[in-house]
Amino acid sequence: LTYQRSRLVRSWTHLERQRGGAGF
Protein backbone atom coordinates (compact mmCIF):
# COMPACT_ATOMS: atom_id res chain seq x y z
CA LEU A 1 0.00 0.00 0.00
CA THR A 2 2.87 2.37 0.77
CA TYR A 3 4.27 1.64 -2.69
CA GLN A 4 0.91 1.99 -4.45
CA ARG A 5 0.04 5.28 -2.79
CA SER A 6 2.61 7.19 -4.83
CA ARG A 7 1.38 5.59 -8.05
CA LEU A 8 -2.32 6.43 -7.89
CA VAL A 9 -1.92 9.01 -10.64
CA ARG A 10 -1.31 6.18 -13.11
CA SER A 11 -4.78 4.75 -12.57
CA TRP A 12 -6.68 7.91 -13.36
CA THR A 13 -5.08 9.34 -16.47
CA HIS A 14 -8.31 8.64 -18.37
CA LEU A 15 -10.30 11.10 -16.24
CA GLU A 16 -10.47 14.76 -17.14
CA ARG A 17 -7.90 16.95 -15.49
CA GLN A 18 -9.18 20.42 -16.25
CA ARG A 19 -10.12 22.85 -13.56
CA GLY A 20 -13.72 22.56 -12.31
CA GLY A 21 -16.15 25.28 -11.32
CA ALA A 22 -17.80 26.32 -8.06
CA GLY A 23 -14.45 26.89 -6.40
CA PHE A 24 -13.02 23.41 -7.08
PDB file of all heavy atoms in Angstrom:
ATOM      1  N   LEU A   1       0.828  -1.209   0.000  1.00  0.00           N
ATOM      2  CA  LEU A   1       0.000   0.000   0.000  1.00  0.00           C
ATOM      3  C   LEU A   1       0.861   1.257   0.000  1.00  0.00           C
ATOM      4  O   LEU A   1       0.543   2.249  -0.670  1.00  0.00           O
ATOM      5  CB  LEU A   1      -0.928  -0.003   1.214  1.00  0.00           C
ATOM      6  CG  LEU A   1      -2.109  -0.978   1.160  1.00  0.00           C
ATOM      7  CD1 LEU A   1      -2.841  -0.999   2.490  1.00  0.00           C
ATOM      8  CD2 LEU A   1      -3.071  -0.599   0.032  1.00  0.00           C
ATOM      9  N   THR A   2       1.956   1.222   0.756  1.00  0.00           N
ATOM     10  CA  THR A   2       2.871   2.372   0.771  1.00  0.00           C
ATOM     11  C   THR A   2       3.442   2.612  -0.619  1.00  0.00           C
ATOM     12  O   THR A   2       3.579   3.757  -1.063  1.00  0.00           O
ATOM     13  CB  THR A   2       4.007   2.125   1.777  1.00  0.00           C
ATOM     14  OG1 THR A   2       3.452   1.839   3.066  1.00  0.00           O
ATOM     15  CG2 THR A   2       4.910   3.344   1.881  1.00  0.00           C
ATOM     16  N   TYR A   3       3.750   1.532  -1.314  1.00  0.00           N
ATOM     17  CA  TYR A   3       4.269   1.635  -2.688  1.00  0.00           C
ATOM     18  C   TYR A   3       3.194   2.147  -3.645  1.00  0.00           C
ATOM     19  O   TYR A   3       3.440   3.029  -4.477  1.00  0.00           O
ATOM     20  CB  TYR A   3       4.770   0.261  -3.129  1.00  0.00           C
ATOM     21  CG  TYR A   3       5.191   0.168  -4.578  1.00  0.00           C
ATOM     22  CD1 TYR A   3       6.408   0.685  -5.001  1.00  0.00           C
ATOM     23  CD2 TYR A   3       4.367  -0.443  -5.521  1.00  0.00           C
ATOM     24  CE1 TYR A   3       6.798   0.595  -6.327  1.00  0.00           C
ATOM     25  CE2 TYR A   3       4.752  -0.549  -6.847  1.00  0.00           C
ATOM     26  CZ  TYR A   3       5.968  -0.020  -7.247  1.00  0.00           C
ATOM     27  OH  TYR A   3       6.347  -0.107  -8.556  1.00  0.00           O
ATOM     28  N   GLN A   4       1.980   1.619  -3.528  1.00  0.00           N
ATOM     29  CA  GLN A   4       0.906   1.992  -4.453  1.00  0.00           C
ATOM     30  C   GLN A   4       0.463   3.439  -4.276  1.00  0.00           C
ATOM     31  O   GLN A   4       0.026   4.079  -5.234  1.00  0.00           O
ATOM     32  CB  GLN A   4      -0.299   1.070  -4.253  1.00  0.00           C
ATOM     33  CG  GLN A   4      -0.071  -0.367  -4.687  1.00  0.00           C
ATOM     34  CD  GLN A   4      -1.168  -1.293  -4.234  1.00  0.00           C
ATOM     35  OE1 GLN A   4      -2.209  -0.851  -3.736  1.00  0.00           O
ATOM     36  NE2 GLN A   4      -0.938  -2.591  -4.389  1.00  0.00           N
ATOM     37  N   ARG A   5       0.561   3.939  -3.065  1.00  0.00           N
ATOM     38  CA  ARG A   5       0.037   5.278  -2.788  1.00  0.00           C
ATOM     39  C   ARG A   5       0.643   6.326  -3.705  1.00  0.00           C
ATOM     40  O   ARG A   5      -0.035   7.249  -4.164  1.00  0.00           O
ATOM     41  CB  ARG A   5       0.311   5.645  -1.331  1.00  0.00           C
ATOM     42  CG  ARG A   5      -0.369   6.938  -0.896  1.00  0.00           C
ATOM     43  CD  ARG A   5      -0.006   7.299   0.538  1.00  0.00           C
ATOM     44  NE  ARG A   5      -0.749   8.463   0.978  1.00  0.00           N
ATOM     45  CZ  ARG A   5      -0.427   9.719   0.689  1.00  0.00           C
ATOM     46  NH1 ARG A   5       0.649   9.956  -0.068  1.00  0.00           N
ATOM     47  NH2 ARG A   5      -1.161  10.729   1.120  1.00  0.00           N
ATOM     48  N   SER A   6       1.949   6.188  -3.989  1.00  0.00           N
ATOM     49  CA  SER A   6       2.612   7.188  -4.831  1.00  0.00           C
ATOM     50  C   SER A   6       2.309   6.990  -6.308  1.00  0.00           C
ATOM     51  O   SER A   6       2.694   7.813  -7.131  1.00  0.00           O
ATOM     52  CB  SER A   6       4.128   7.117  -4.613  1.00  0.00           C
ATOM     53  OG  SER A   6       4.624   5.862  -5.073  1.00  0.00           O
ATOM     54  N   ARG A   7       1.625   5.896  -6.648  1.00  0.00           N
ATOM     55  CA  ARG A   7       1.376   5.585  -8.055  1.00  0.00           C
ATOM     56  C   ARG A   7      -0.088   5.688  -8.437  1.00  0.00           C
ATOM     57  O   ARG A   7      -0.497   5.197  -9.486  1.00  0.00           O
ATOM     58  CB  ARG A   7       1.906   4.174  -8.373  1.00  0.00           C
ATOM     59  CG  ARG A   7       3.418   4.179  -8.547  1.00  0.00           C
ATOM     60  CD  ARG A   7       4.038   2.839  -8.406  1.00  0.00           C
ATOM     61  NE  ARG A   7       5.387   2.836  -8.948  1.00  0.00           N
ATOM     62  CZ  ARG A   7       6.438   3.385  -8.385  1.00  0.00           C
ATOM     63  NH1 ARG A   7       6.295   4.018  -7.232  1.00  0.00           N
ATOM     64  NH2 ARG A   7       7.628   3.350  -8.948  1.00  0.00           N
ATOM     65  N   LEU A   8      -0.900   6.320  -7.594  1.00  0.00           N
ATOM     66  CA  LEU A   8      -2.315   6.434  -7.890  1.00  0.00           C
ATOM     67  C   LEU A   8      -2.576   7.215  -9.166  1.00  0.00           C
ATOM     68  O   LEU A   8      -3.535   6.961  -9.874  1.00  0.00           O
ATOM     69  CB  LEU A   8      -3.042   7.111  -6.725  1.00  0.00           C
ATOM     70  CG  LEU A   8      -3.280   6.229  -5.500  1.00  0.00           C
ATOM     71  CD1 LEU A   8      -3.913   7.045  -4.393  1.00  0.00           C
ATOM     72  CD2 LEU A   8      -4.141   5.044  -5.857  1.00  0.00           C
ATOM     73  N   VAL A   9      -1.698   8.181  -9.468  1.00  0.00           N
ATOM     74  CA  VAL A   9      -1.919   9.013 -10.641  1.00  0.00           C
ATOM     75  C   VAL A   9      -1.974   8.172 -11.908  1.00  0.00           C
ATOM     76  O   VAL A   9      -2.648   8.507 -12.873  1.00  0.00           O
ATOM     77  CB  VAL A   9      -0.813  10.091 -10.760  1.00  0.00           C
ATOM     78  CG1 VAL A   9       0.546   9.460 -11.000  1.00  0.00           C
ATOM     79  CG2 VAL A   9      -1.143  11.076 -11.875  1.00  0.00           C
ATOM     80  N   ARG A  10      -1.315   7.014 -11.919  1.00  0.00           N
ATOM     81  CA  ARG A  10      -1.306   6.176 -13.115  1.00  0.00           C
ATOM     82  C   ARG A  10      -2.684   5.600 -13.409  1.00  0.00           C
ATOM     83  O   ARG A  10      -3.010   5.304 -14.545  1.00  0.00           O
ATOM     84  CB  ARG A  10      -0.323   5.012 -12.939  1.00  0.00           C
ATOM     85  CG  ARG A  10       1.097   5.410 -12.792  1.00  0.00           C
ATOM     86  CD  ARG A  10       1.986   4.203 -12.505  1.00  0.00           C
ATOM     87  NE  ARG A  10       1.763   3.146 -13.475  1.00  0.00           N
ATOM     88  CZ  ARG A  10       1.192   1.976 -13.198  1.00  0.00           C
ATOM     89  NH1 ARG A  10       0.782   1.737 -11.979  1.00  0.00           N
ATOM     90  NH2 ARG A  10       1.025   1.072 -14.137  1.00  0.00           N
ATOM     91  N   SER A  11      -3.500   5.412 -12.374  1.00  0.00           N
ATOM     92  CA  SER A  11      -4.779   4.747 -12.570  1.00  0.00           C
ATOM     93  C   SER A  11      -5.864   5.680 -13.086  1.00  0.00           C
ATOM     94  O   SER A  11      -6.921   5.225 -13.498  1.00  0.00           O
ATOM     95  CB  SER A  11      -5.245   4.138 -11.240  1.00  0.00           C
ATOM     96  OG  SER A  11      -4.272   3.260 -10.734  1.00  0.00           O
ATOM     97  N   TRP A  12      -5.597   6.984 -13.060  1.00  0.00           N
ATOM     98  CA  TRP A  12      -6.685   7.905 -13.362  1.00  0.00           C
ATOM     99  C   TRP A  12      -6.339   8.870 -14.491  1.00  0.00           C
ATOM    100  O   TRP A  12      -6.886   9.958 -14.586  1.00  0.00           O
ATOM    101  CB  TRP A  12      -7.057   8.692 -12.088  1.00  0.00           C
ATOM    102  CG  TRP A  12      -7.491   7.758 -11.017  1.00  0.00           C
ATOM    103  CD1 TRP A  12      -6.804   7.376  -9.932  1.00  0.00           C
ATOM    104  CD2 TRP A  12      -8.724   7.028 -10.990  1.00  0.00           C
ATOM    105  NE1 TRP A  12      -7.506   6.457  -9.208  1.00  0.00           N
ATOM    106  CE2 TRP A  12      -8.692   6.229  -9.823  1.00  0.00           C
ATOM    107  CE3 TRP A  12      -9.842   6.985 -11.828  1.00  0.00           C
ATOM    108  CZ2 TRP A  12      -9.740   5.395  -9.489  1.00  0.00           C
ATOM    109  CZ3 TRP A  12     -10.878   6.136 -11.484  1.00  0.00           C
ATOM    110  CH2 TRP A  12     -10.824   5.363 -10.334  1.00  0.00           C
ATOM    111  N   THR A  13      -5.451   8.466 -15.365  1.00  0.00           N
ATOM    112  CA  THR A  13      -5.077   9.341 -16.473  1.00  0.00           C
ATOM    113  C   THR A  13      -6.205   9.470 -17.480  1.00  0.00           C
ATOM    114  O   THR A  13      -6.192  10.361 -18.321  1.00  0.00           O
ATOM    115  CB  THR A  13      -3.836   8.796 -17.187  1.00  0.00           C
ATOM    116  OG1 THR A  13      -4.072   7.426 -17.543  1.00  0.00           O
ATOM    117  CG2 THR A  13      -2.628   8.853 -16.280  1.00  0.00           C
ATOM    118  N   HIS A  14      -7.202   8.564 -17.412  1.00  0.00           N
ATOM    119  CA  HIS A  14      -8.311   8.636 -18.366  1.00  0.00           C
ATOM    120  C   HIS A  14      -9.352   9.661 -17.948  1.00  0.00           C
ATOM    121  O   HIS A  14     -10.237  10.007 -18.731  1.00  0.00           O
ATOM    122  CB  HIS A  14      -8.970   7.262 -18.477  1.00  0.00           C
ATOM    123  CG  HIS A  14      -9.594   6.797 -17.191  1.00  0.00           C
ATOM    124  ND1 HIS A  14      -8.829   6.371 -16.131  1.00  0.00           N
ATOM    125  CD2 HIS A  14     -10.891   6.707 -16.800  1.00  0.00           C
ATOM    126  CE1 HIS A  14      -9.628   6.008 -15.135  1.00  0.00           C
ATOM    127  NE2 HIS A  14     -10.886   6.216 -15.512  1.00  0.00           N
ATOM    128  N   LEU A  15      -9.311  10.132 -16.705  1.00  0.00           N
ATOM    129  CA  LEU A  15     -10.300  11.097 -16.238  1.00  0.00           C
ATOM    130  C   LEU A  15      -9.864  12.512 -16.591  1.00  0.00           C
ATOM    131  O   LEU A  15      -8.689  12.804 -16.734  1.00  0.00           O
ATOM    132  CB  LEU A  15     -10.466  10.976 -14.717  1.00  0.00           C
ATOM    133  CG  LEU A  15     -10.988   9.602 -14.226  1.00  0.00           C
ATOM    134  CD1 LEU A  15     -11.032   9.591 -12.715  1.00  0.00           C
ATOM    135  CD2 LEU A  15     -12.357   9.310 -14.799  1.00  0.00           C
ATOM    136  N   GLU A  16     -10.838  13.402 -16.743  1.00  0.00           N
ATOM    137  CA  GLU A  16     -10.465  14.757 -17.137  1.00  0.00           C
ATOM    138  C   GLU A  16      -9.708  15.451 -16.030  1.00  0.00           C
ATOM    139  O   GLU A  16      -9.936  15.212 -14.859  1.00  0.00           O
ATOM    140  CB  GLU A  16     -11.696  15.575 -17.540  1.00  0.00           C
ATOM    141  CG  GLU A  16     -12.911  15.456 -16.652  1.00  0.00           C
ATOM    142  CD  GLU A  16     -14.053  16.329 -17.098  1.00  0.00           C
ATOM    143  OE1 GLU A  16     -13.864  17.555 -17.173  1.00  0.00           O
ATOM    144  OE2 GLU A  16     -15.132  15.803 -17.354  1.00  0.00           O
ATOM    145  N   ARG A  17      -8.797  16.317 -16.429  1.00  0.00           N
ATOM    146  CA  ARG A  17      -7.896  16.951 -15.488  1.00  0.00           C
ATOM    147  C   ARG A  17      -8.094  18.464 -15.441  1.00  0.00           C
ATOM    148  O   ARG A  17      -7.379  19.146 -14.753  1.00  0.00           O
ATOM    149  CB  ARG A  17      -6.441  16.667 -15.901  1.00  0.00           C
ATOM    150  CG  ARG A  17      -6.139  15.214 -16.208  1.00  0.00           C
ATOM    151  CD  ARG A  17      -5.914  14.429 -14.960  1.00  0.00           C
ATOM    152  NE  ARG A  17      -4.781  14.952 -14.228  1.00  0.00           N
ATOM    153  CZ  ARG A  17      -4.297  14.384 -13.136  1.00  0.00           C
ATOM    154  NH1 ARG A  17      -4.850  13.296 -12.665  1.00  0.00           N
ATOM    155  NH2 ARG A  17      -3.266  14.897 -12.518  1.00  0.00           N
ATOM    156  N   GLN A  18      -9.062  18.964 -16.236  1.00  0.00           N
ATOM    157  CA  GLN A  18      -9.185  20.417 -16.254  1.00  0.00           C
ATOM    158  C   GLN A  18      -9.799  20.932 -14.963  1.00  0.00           C
ATOM    159  O   GLN A  18     -10.439  20.198 -14.239  1.00  0.00           O
ATOM    160  CB  GLN A  18     -10.023  20.887 -17.454  1.00  0.00           C
ATOM    161  CG  GLN A  18     -11.513  20.650 -17.316  1.00  0.00           C
ATOM    162  CD  GLN A  18     -11.920  19.338 -17.946  1.00  0.00           C
ATOM    163  OE1 GLN A  18     -11.097  18.459 -18.099  1.00  0.00           O
ATOM    164  NE2 GLN A  18     -13.170  19.202 -18.303  1.00  0.00           N
ATOM    165  N   ARG A  19      -9.633  22.227 -14.778  1.00  0.00           N
ATOM    166  CA  ARG A  19     -10.124  22.851 -13.557  1.00  0.00           C
ATOM    167  C   ARG A  19     -11.648  22.869 -13.559  1.00  0.00           C
ATOM    168  O   ARG A  19     -12.286  23.175 -14.559  1.00  0.00           O
ATOM    169  CB  ARG A  19      -9.588  24.275 -13.492  1.00  0.00           C
ATOM    170  CG  ARG A  19     -10.069  25.071 -12.299  1.00  0.00           C
ATOM    171  CD  ARG A  19      -9.333  26.383 -12.224  1.00  0.00           C
ATOM    172  NE  ARG A  19      -9.854  27.231 -11.181  1.00  0.00           N
ATOM    173  CZ  ARG A  19      -9.270  28.343 -10.783  1.00  0.00           C
ATOM    174  NH1 ARG A  19      -8.140  28.729 -11.356  1.00  0.00           N
ATOM    175  NH2 ARG A  19      -9.781  29.073  -9.832  1.00  0.00           N
ATOM    176  N   GLY A  20     -12.270  22.550 -12.419  1.00  0.00           N
ATOM    177  CA  GLY A  20     -13.720  22.560 -12.308  1.00  0.00           C
ATOM    178  C   GLY A  20     -14.237  23.897 -11.823  1.00  0.00           C
ATOM    179  O   GLY A  20     -13.486  24.820 -11.519  1.00  0.00           O
ATOM    180  N   GLY A  21     -15.531  24.025 -11.760  1.00  0.00           N
ATOM    181  CA  GLY A  21     -16.152  25.276 -11.322  1.00  0.00           C
ATOM    182  C   GLY A  21     -16.522  25.225  -9.858  1.00  0.00           C
ATOM    183  O   GLY A  21     -16.159  24.305  -9.124  1.00  0.00           O
ATOM    184  N   ALA A  22     -17.273  26.223  -9.427  1.00  0.00           N
ATOM    185  CA  ALA A  22     -17.798  26.318  -8.059  1.00  0.00           C
ATOM    186  C   ALA A  22     -16.686  26.228  -7.020  1.00  0.00           C
ATOM    187  O   ALA A  22     -16.860  25.657  -5.954  1.00  0.00           O
ATOM    188  CB  ALA A  22     -18.837  25.229  -7.814  1.00  0.00           C
ATOM    189  N   GLY A  23     -15.519  26.808  -7.381  1.00  0.00           N
ATOM    190  CA  GLY A  23     -14.448  26.885  -6.398  1.00  0.00           C
ATOM    191  C   GLY A  23     -13.576  25.659  -6.330  1.00  0.00           C
ATOM    192  O   GLY A  23     -12.642  25.626  -5.545  1.00  0.00           O
ATOM    193  N   PHE A  24     -13.870  24.597  -7.106  1.00  0.00           N
ATOM    194  CA  PHE A  24     -13.020  23.411  -7.085  1.00  0.00           C
ATOM    195  C   PHE A  24     -11.801  23.639  -7.955  1.00  0.00           C
ATOM    196  O   PHE A  24     -11.907  24.094  -9.086  1.00  0.00           O
ATOM    197  CB  PHE A  24     -13.800  22.185  -7.571  1.00  0.00           C
ATOM    198  CG  PHE A  24     -14.914  21.796  -6.653  1.00  0.00           C
ATOM    199  CD1 PHE A  24     -16.222  22.132  -6.949  1.00  0.00           C
ATOM    200  CD2 PHE A  24     -14.657  21.114  -5.481  1.00  0.00           C
ATOM    201  CE1 PHE A  24     -17.256  21.786  -6.108  1.00  0.00           C
ATOM    202  CE2 PHE A  24     -15.676  20.762  -4.629  1.00  0.00           C
ATOM    203  CZ  PHE A  24     -16.990  21.105  -4.934  1.00  0.00           C
TER     204      PHE A  24
END
